[in-house]
Amino acid sequence: MVFYKNQGQEEIRQISKYNEGGFSISRLNNCWIRCNYYIKIGSFTQWKFELDNIWLELIPDILRQKNKEELIRNNKKSMRKVALSTNRTELFFNLMQRHTFLRECQDIAGKAGVYVDEDREGFE
């Protein structure tokens, strides 16, 4: 983000030194923590809403992916399965699948761990 401030005839350009990516990762971490809490207390509705919130946080990064249409389609499918769940067991299973899908999306977006083979140079 660039800010301009006029001081007489001079113009001062300032660029924010804060990276939105870091804030996004922090928000995602908070969402995952809440998800784990809702799972533990059996609040599946709150878990569902938190997963929706995670998708909203990831969508700008998903839209930059080559396979964005497939990811969006898979998200819609997982949302539909959750919505059509007929009992708590089925709901839990479908929420678990969506949870896993969103974790994978987070990896794809580059907002999760970075995995390398132990054999590879640079492995610490």
N, C-alpha and C. Protein backbone atom coordinates (compact mmCIF):
# COMPACT_ATOMS: atom_id res chain seq x y z
N MET A 1 0.85 -1.16 0.00
CA MET A 1 0.00 0.00 0.00
C MET A 1 0.90 1.23 0.00
N VAL A 2 0.62 2.18 -0.81
CA VAL A 2 1.42 3.39 -0.92
C VAL A 2 0.60 4.58 -0.42
N PHE A 3 1.21 5.38 0.45
CA PHE A 3 0.55 6.57 0.97
C PHE A 3 1.27 7.80 0.43
N TYR A 4 0.51 8.83 0.13
CA TYR A 4 1.08 10.09 -0.34
C TYR A 4 0.70 11.18 0.64
N LYS A 5 1.67 12.04 0.94
CA LYS A 5 1.40 13.15 1.85
C LYS A 5 2.04 14.40 1.25
N ASN A 6 1.24 15.41 1.02
CA ASN A 6 1.76 16.65 0.46
C ASN A 6 2.32 17.54 1.57
N GLN A 7 3.53 18.03 1.35
CA GLN A 7 4.13 19.00 2.25
C GLN A 7 4.66 20.13 1.36
N GLY A 8 3.86 21.13 1.21
CA GLY A 8 4.22 22.20 0.30
C GLY A 8 4.30 21.67 -1.11
N GLN A 9 5.46 21.85 -1.75
CA GLN A 9 5.67 21.40 -3.12
C GLN A 9 6.13 19.95 -3.19
N GLU A 10 6.58 19.38 -2.05
CA GLU A 10 7.16 18.03 -2.07
C GLU A 10 6.09 16.97 -1.84
N GLU A 11 6.37 15.84 -2.38
CA GLU A 11 5.48 14.69 -2.19
C GLU A 11 6.31 13.57 -1.55
N ILE A 12 5.81 12.99 -0.46
CA ILE A 12 6.51 11.92 0.23
C ILE A 12 5.78 10.61 -0.05
N ARG A 13 6.52 9.62 -0.54
CA ARG A 13 5.94 8.29 -0.80
C ARG A 13 6.31 7.38 0.36
N GLN A 14 5.30 6.71 0.91
CA GLN A 14 5.55 5.74 1.96
C GLN A 14 4.90 4.42 1.58
N ILE A 15 5.62 3.34 1.77
CA ILE A 15 5.12 2.01 1.49
C ILE A 15 5.04 1.25 2.81
N SER A 16 3.90 0.60 3.05
CA SER A 16 3.73 -0.16 4.27
C SER A 16 4.75 -1.29 4.33
N LYS A 17 5.42 -1.44 5.45
CA LYS A 17 6.42 -2.50 5.60
C LYS A 17 5.80 -3.80 6.12
N TYR A 18 4.50 -3.79 6.41
CA TYR A 18 3.84 -4.97 6.94
C TYR A 18 3.29 -5.83 5.81
N ASN A 19 3.48 -7.10 5.93
CA ASN A 19 3.06 -8.05 4.92
C ASN A 19 1.71 -8.64 5.31
N GLU A 20 0.72 -8.46 4.47
CA GLU A 20 -0.62 -9.00 4.74
C GLU A 20 -0.59 -10.52 4.86
N GLY A 21 0.36 -11.17 4.20
CA GLY A 21 0.47 -12.62 4.28
C GLY A 21 0.65 -13.10 5.71
N GLY A 22 1.47 -12.41 6.47
CA GLY A 22 1.68 -12.77 7.88
C GLY A 22 0.41 -12.64 8.69
N PHE A 23 -0.34 -11.58 8.45
CA PHE A 23 -1.61 -11.39 9.16
C PHE A 23 -2.61 -12.48 8.77
N SER A 24 -2.62 -12.84 7.50
CA SER A 24 -3.52 -13.88 7.02
C SER A 24 -3.20 -15.22 7.68
N ILE A 25 -1.92 -15.55 7.78
CA ILE A 25 -1.51 -16.80 8.44
C ILE A 25 -1.94 -16.78 9.90
N SER A 26 -1.80 -15.65 10.55
CA SER A 26 -2.22 -15.53 11.95
C SER A 26 -3.74 -15.72 12.09
N ARG A 27 -4.50 -15.11 11.18
CA ARG A 27 -5.96 -15.29 11.23
C ARG A 27 -6.34 -16.75 10.99
N LEU A 28 -5.67 -17.39 10.03
CA LEU A 28 -5.94 -18.80 9.76
C LEU A 28 -5.62 -19.66 10.99
N ASN A 29 -4.51 -19.38 11.63
CA ASN A 29 -4.15 -20.13 12.83
C ASN A 29 -5.24 -20.00 13.89
N ASN A 30 -5.75 -18.80 14.08
CA ASN A 30 -6.82 -18.59 15.05
C ASN A 30 -8.08 -19.37 14.67
N CYS A 31 -8.38 -19.41 13.39
CA CYS A 31 -9.55 -20.18 12.92
C CYS A 31 -9.37 -21.66 13.20
N TRP A 32 -8.18 -22.19 12.91
CA TRP A 32 -7.94 -23.62 13.16
C TRP A 32 -8.03 -23.95 14.65
N ILE A 33 -7.55 -23.05 15.48
CA ILE A 33 -7.65 -23.25 16.94
C ILE A 33 -9.12 -23.33 17.34
N ARG A 34 -9.93 -22.41 16.80
CA ARG A 34 -11.37 -22.45 17.11
C ARG A 34 -12.01 -23.73 16.59
N CYS A 35 -11.62 -24.17 15.39
CA CYS A 35 -12.15 -25.42 14.85
C CYS A 35 -11.88 -26.57 15.82
N ASN A 36 -10.65 -26.67 16.28
CA ASN A 36 -10.30 -27.75 17.20
C ASN A 36 -11.14 -27.68 18.48
N TYR A 37 -11.38 -26.48 18.96
CA TYR A 37 -12.21 -26.32 20.15
C TYR A 37 -13.64 -26.78 19.88
N TYR A 38 -14.21 -26.36 18.76
CA TYR A 38 -15.59 -26.74 18.42
C TYR A 38 -15.72 -28.25 18.22
N ILE A 39 -14.69 -28.87 17.66
CA ILE A 39 -14.70 -30.32 17.50
C ILE A 39 -14.75 -30.98 18.88
N LYS A 40 -13.90 -30.51 19.78
CA LYS A 40 -13.82 -31.12 21.11
C LYS A 40 -15.12 -31.01 21.90
N ILE A 41 -15.82 -29.89 21.73
CA ILE A 41 -17.07 -29.72 22.50
C ILE A 41 -18.28 -30.21 21.73
N GLY A 42 -18.07 -30.68 20.50
CA GLY A 42 -19.17 -31.24 19.71
C GLY A 42 -20.10 -30.20 19.11
N SER A 43 -19.59 -28.98 18.92
CA SER A 43 -20.40 -27.92 18.32
C SER A 43 -20.17 -27.90 16.81
N PHE A 44 -20.87 -28.79 16.13
CA PHE A 44 -20.64 -28.97 14.70
C PHE A 44 -21.07 -27.75 13.88
N THR A 45 -22.10 -27.06 14.31
CA THR A 45 -22.55 -25.86 13.60
C THR A 45 -21.47 -24.79 13.64
N GLN A 46 -20.89 -24.57 14.82
CA GLN A 46 -19.82 -23.57 14.94
C GLN A 46 -18.60 -24.01 14.14
N TRP A 47 -18.30 -25.30 14.12
CA TRP A 47 -17.20 -25.83 13.32
C TRP A 47 -17.43 -25.53 11.85
N LYS A 48 -18.65 -25.76 11.39
CA LYS A 48 -19.02 -25.49 10.00
C LYS A 48 -18.79 -24.02 9.65
N PHE A 49 -19.25 -23.13 10.53
CA PHE A 49 -19.09 -21.69 10.27
C PHE A 49 -17.62 -21.29 10.25
N GLU A 50 -16.83 -21.90 11.11
CA GLU A 50 -15.40 -21.59 11.15
C GLU A 50 -14.71 -22.07 9.88
N LEU A 51 -15.12 -23.23 9.37
CA LEU A 51 -14.56 -23.72 8.10
C LEU A 51 -14.93 -22.77 6.96
N ASP A 52 -16.14 -22.23 6.99
CA ASP A 52 -16.54 -21.24 5.99
C ASP A 52 -15.63 -20.01 6.08
N ASN A 53 -15.32 -19.60 7.29
CA ASN A 53 -14.44 -18.46 7.51
C ASN A 53 -13.03 -18.73 6.96
N ILE A 54 -12.55 -19.96 7.13
CA ILE A 54 -11.24 -20.33 6.60
C ILE A 54 -11.25 -20.24 5.07
N TRP A 55 -12.32 -20.72 4.44
CA TRP A 55 -12.43 -20.62 2.98
C TRP A 55 -12.36 -19.16 2.55
N LEU A 56 -13.06 -18.29 3.25
CA LEU A 56 -13.04 -16.86 2.90
C LEU A 56 -11.64 -16.28 3.04
N GLU A 57 -10.89 -16.77 3.99
CA GLU A 57 -9.51 -16.30 4.16
C GLU A 57 -8.60 -16.82 3.04
N LEU A 58 -8.89 -18.02 2.55
CA LEU A 58 -8.03 -18.64 1.53
C LEU A 58 -8.41 -18.26 0.10
N ILE A 59 -9.63 -17.83 -0.14
CA ILE A 59 -10.10 -17.64 -1.51
C ILE A 59 -9.23 -16.68 -2.34
N PRO A 60 -8.69 -15.58 -1.80
CA PRO A 60 -7.84 -14.75 -2.66
C PRO A 60 -6.62 -15.51 -3.20
N ASP A 61 -6.06 -16.41 -2.38
CA ASP A 61 -4.92 -17.21 -2.81
C ASP A 61 -5.36 -18.31 -3.77
N ILE A 62 -6.52 -18.88 -3.53
CA ILE A 62 -7.05 -19.93 -4.41
C ILE A 62 -7.27 -19.37 -5.81
N LEU A 63 -7.75 -18.14 -5.90
CA LEU A 63 -8.03 -17.52 -7.20
C LEU A 63 -6.76 -17.30 -8.03
N ARG A 64 -5.60 -17.38 -7.40
CA ARG A 64 -4.33 -17.23 -8.12
C ARG A 64 -3.78 -18.56 -8.62
N GLN A 65 -4.43 -19.65 -8.28
CA GLN A 65 -3.95 -20.98 -8.64
C GLN A 65 -4.38 -21.36 -10.05
N LYS A 66 -3.58 -22.17 -10.71
CA LYS A 66 -3.91 -22.64 -12.06
C LYS A 66 -5.16 -23.51 -12.06
N ASN A 67 -5.35 -24.28 -11.00
CA ASN A 67 -6.49 -25.19 -10.91
C ASN A 67 -7.61 -24.61 -10.04
N LYS A 68 -7.77 -23.29 -10.08
CA LYS A 68 -8.75 -22.63 -9.22
C LYS A 68 -10.18 -23.13 -9.44
N GLU A 69 -10.55 -23.42 -10.69
CA GLU A 69 -11.91 -23.90 -10.96
C GLU A 69 -12.17 -25.22 -10.25
N GLU A 70 -11.18 -26.11 -10.30
CA GLU A 70 -11.31 -27.41 -9.64
C GLU A 70 -11.43 -27.24 -8.12
N LEU A 71 -10.62 -26.36 -7.55
CA LEU A 71 -10.66 -26.13 -6.11
C LEU A 71 -11.99 -25.52 -5.68
N ILE A 72 -12.48 -24.58 -6.45
CA ILE A 72 -13.78 -23.96 -6.15
C ILE A 72 -14.89 -24.99 -6.26
N ARG A 73 -14.84 -25.81 -7.29
CA ARG A 73 -15.83 -26.87 -7.48
C ARG A 73 -15.79 -27.86 -6.31
N ASN A 74 -14.59 -28.25 -5.89
CA ASN A 74 -14.45 -29.18 -4.77
C ASN A 74 -14.95 -28.56 -3.47
N ASN A 75 -14.75 -27.27 -3.30
CA ASN A 75 -15.27 -26.60 -2.11
C ASN A 75 -16.79 -26.62 -2.10
N LYS A 76 -17.39 -26.33 -3.26
CA LYS A 76 -18.86 -26.36 -3.35
C LYS A 76 -19.41 -27.74 -3.04
N LYS A 77 -18.72 -28.78 -3.56
CA LYS A 77 -19.15 -30.16 -3.28
C LYS A 77 -19.09 -30.45 -1.79
N SER A 78 -17.99 -30.04 -1.16
CA SER A 78 -17.85 -30.34 0.27
C SER A 78 -18.87 -29.56 1.09
N MET A 79 -19.17 -28.34 0.69
CA MET A 79 -20.20 -27.55 1.39
C MET A 79 -21.57 -28.21 1.23
N ARG A 80 -21.83 -28.71 0.04
CA ARG A 80 -23.12 -29.36 -0.23
C ARG A 80 -23.28 -30.63 0.60
N LYS A 81 -22.22 -31.42 0.68
CA LYS A 81 -22.27 -32.63 1.49
C LYS A 81 -22.58 -32.30 2.95
N VAL A 82 -21.95 -31.26 3.46
CA VAL A 82 -22.22 -30.84 4.85
C VAL A 82 -23.68 -30.43 4.98
N ALA A 83 -24.16 -29.64 4.05
CA ALA A 83 -25.54 -29.14 4.12
C ALA A 83 -26.57 -30.27 4.02
N LEU A 84 -26.25 -31.31 3.29
CA LEU A 84 -27.20 -32.41 3.09
C LEU A 84 -27.04 -33.56 4.09
N SER A 85 -26.18 -33.38 5.06
CA SER A 85 -25.98 -34.41 6.08
C SER A 85 -27.29 -34.67 6.82
N THR A 86 -27.60 -35.95 7.03
CA THR A 86 -28.90 -36.31 7.62
C THR A 86 -28.83 -36.66 9.10
N ASN A 87 -27.62 -36.87 9.64
CA ASN A 87 -27.50 -37.15 11.07
C ASN A 87 -26.13 -36.67 11.56
N ARG A 88 -25.91 -36.70 12.87
CA ARG A 88 -24.66 -36.16 13.44
C ARG A 88 -23.43 -36.93 12.97
N THR A 89 -23.55 -38.22 12.81
CA THR A 89 -22.40 -39.01 12.37
C THR A 89 -21.99 -38.63 10.96
N GLU A 90 -22.97 -38.53 10.08
CA GLU A 90 -22.70 -38.12 8.70
C GLU A 90 -22.17 -36.69 8.65
N LEU A 91 -22.75 -35.81 9.46
CA LEU A 91 -22.29 -34.42 9.53
C LEU A 91 -20.84 -34.36 9.97
N PHE A 92 -20.50 -35.13 11.02
CA PHE A 92 -19.12 -35.15 11.51
C PHE A 92 -18.17 -35.61 10.41
N PHE A 93 -18.51 -36.69 9.73
CA PHE A 93 -17.66 -37.22 8.66
C PHE A 93 -17.48 -36.19 7.54
N ASN A 94 -18.56 -35.55 7.13
CA ASN A 94 -18.50 -34.56 6.05
C ASN A 94 -17.72 -33.30 6.47
N LEU A 95 -17.87 -32.89 7.72
CA LEU A 95 -17.09 -31.76 8.22
C LEU A 95 -15.60 -32.12 8.27
N MET A 96 -15.31 -33.35 8.65
CA MET A 96 -13.93 -33.81 8.68
C MET A 96 -13.32 -33.76 7.28
N GLN A 97 -14.08 -34.19 6.28
CA GLN A 97 -13.58 -34.14 4.90
C GLN A 97 -13.35 -32.70 4.45
N ARG A 98 -14.26 -31.81 4.80
CA ARG A 98 -14.09 -30.39 4.41
C ARG A 98 -12.90 -29.79 5.13
N HIS A 99 -12.74 -30.13 6.39
CA HIS A 99 -11.62 -29.67 7.20
C HIS A 99 -10.30 -30.07 6.51
N THR A 100 -10.21 -31.33 6.11
CA THR A 100 -9.01 -31.84 5.43
C THR A 100 -8.79 -31.14 4.09
N PHE A 101 -9.86 -30.96 3.34
CA PHE A 101 -9.77 -30.26 2.05
C PHE A 101 -9.22 -28.84 2.25
N LEU A 102 -9.72 -28.13 3.26
CA LEU A 102 -9.26 -26.76 3.49
C LEU A 102 -7.81 -26.72 3.97
N ARG A 103 -7.38 -27.73 4.71
CA ARG A 103 -5.95 -27.82 5.08
C ARG A 103 -5.10 -27.97 3.82
N GLU A 104 -5.57 -28.79 2.89
CA GLU A 104 -4.85 -28.96 1.63
C GLU A 104 -4.83 -27.65 0.84
N CYS A 105 -5.94 -26.93 0.84
CA CYS A 105 -5.98 -25.62 0.17
C CYS A 105 -4.99 -24.66 0.80
N GLN A 106 -4.87 -24.71 2.10
CA GLN A 106 -3.91 -23.85 2.79
C GLN A 106 -2.48 -24.18 2.36
N ASP A 107 -2.20 -25.47 2.21
CA ASP A 107 -0.88 -25.89 1.70
C ASP A 107 -0.66 -25.35 0.28
N ILE A 108 -1.67 -25.51 -0.57
CA ILE A 108 -1.59 -25.04 -1.96
C ILE A 108 -1.35 -23.54 -2.01
N ALA A 109 -2.01 -22.81 -1.09
CA ALA A 109 -1.88 -21.35 -1.05
C ALA A 109 -0.53 -20.90 -0.50
N GLY A 110 0.25 -21.85 0.02
CA GLY A 110 1.56 -21.49 0.56
C GLY A 110 1.50 -20.91 1.95
N LYS A 111 0.42 -21.19 2.66
CA LYS A 111 0.26 -20.64 4.01
C LYS A 111 0.30 -21.73 5.07
N ALA A 112 1.11 -22.73 4.81
CA ALA A 112 1.25 -23.83 5.77
C ALA A 112 2.72 -24.25 5.78
N GLY A 113 2.96 -25.45 6.25
CA GLY A 113 4.32 -25.95 6.31
C GLY A 113 4.91 -26.15 4.92
N VAL A 114 6.21 -26.14 4.87
CA VAL A 114 6.93 -26.41 3.63
C VAL A 114 7.59 -27.77 3.82
N TYR A 115 7.31 -28.70 2.93
CA TYR A 115 7.79 -30.06 3.07
C TYR A 115 8.86 -30.35 2.02
N VAL A 116 9.97 -30.96 2.48
CA VAL A 116 11.03 -31.38 1.57
C VAL A 116 11.48 -32.78 1.98
N ASP A 117 12.07 -33.49 1.04
CA ASP A 117 12.62 -34.81 1.33
C ASP A 117 13.87 -34.66 2.18
N GLU A 118 14.08 -35.59 3.10
CA GLU A 118 15.26 -35.54 3.96
C GLU A 118 16.54 -35.64 3.14
N ASP A 119 16.48 -36.35 2.01
CA ASP A 119 17.65 -36.56 1.16
C ASP A 119 18.08 -35.30 0.42
N ARG A 120 17.14 -34.38 0.30
CA ARG A 120 17.36 -33.19 -0.51
C ARG A 120 18.35 -32.24 0.15
N GLU A 121 19.16 -31.61 -0.67
CA GLU A 121 20.11 -30.65 -0.17
C GLU A 121 19.34 -29.47 0.46
N GLY A 122 19.85 -28.97 1.54
CA GLY A 122 19.20 -27.85 2.22
C GLY A 122 18.25 -28.29 3.33
N PHE A 123 18.06 -29.62 3.48
CA PHE A 123 17.21 -30.11 4.57
C PHE A 123 17.97 -29.89 5.86
N GLU A 124 17.31 -29.31 6.83
CA GLU A 124 17.97 -29.04 8.13
C GLU A 124 17.52 -29.99 9.17
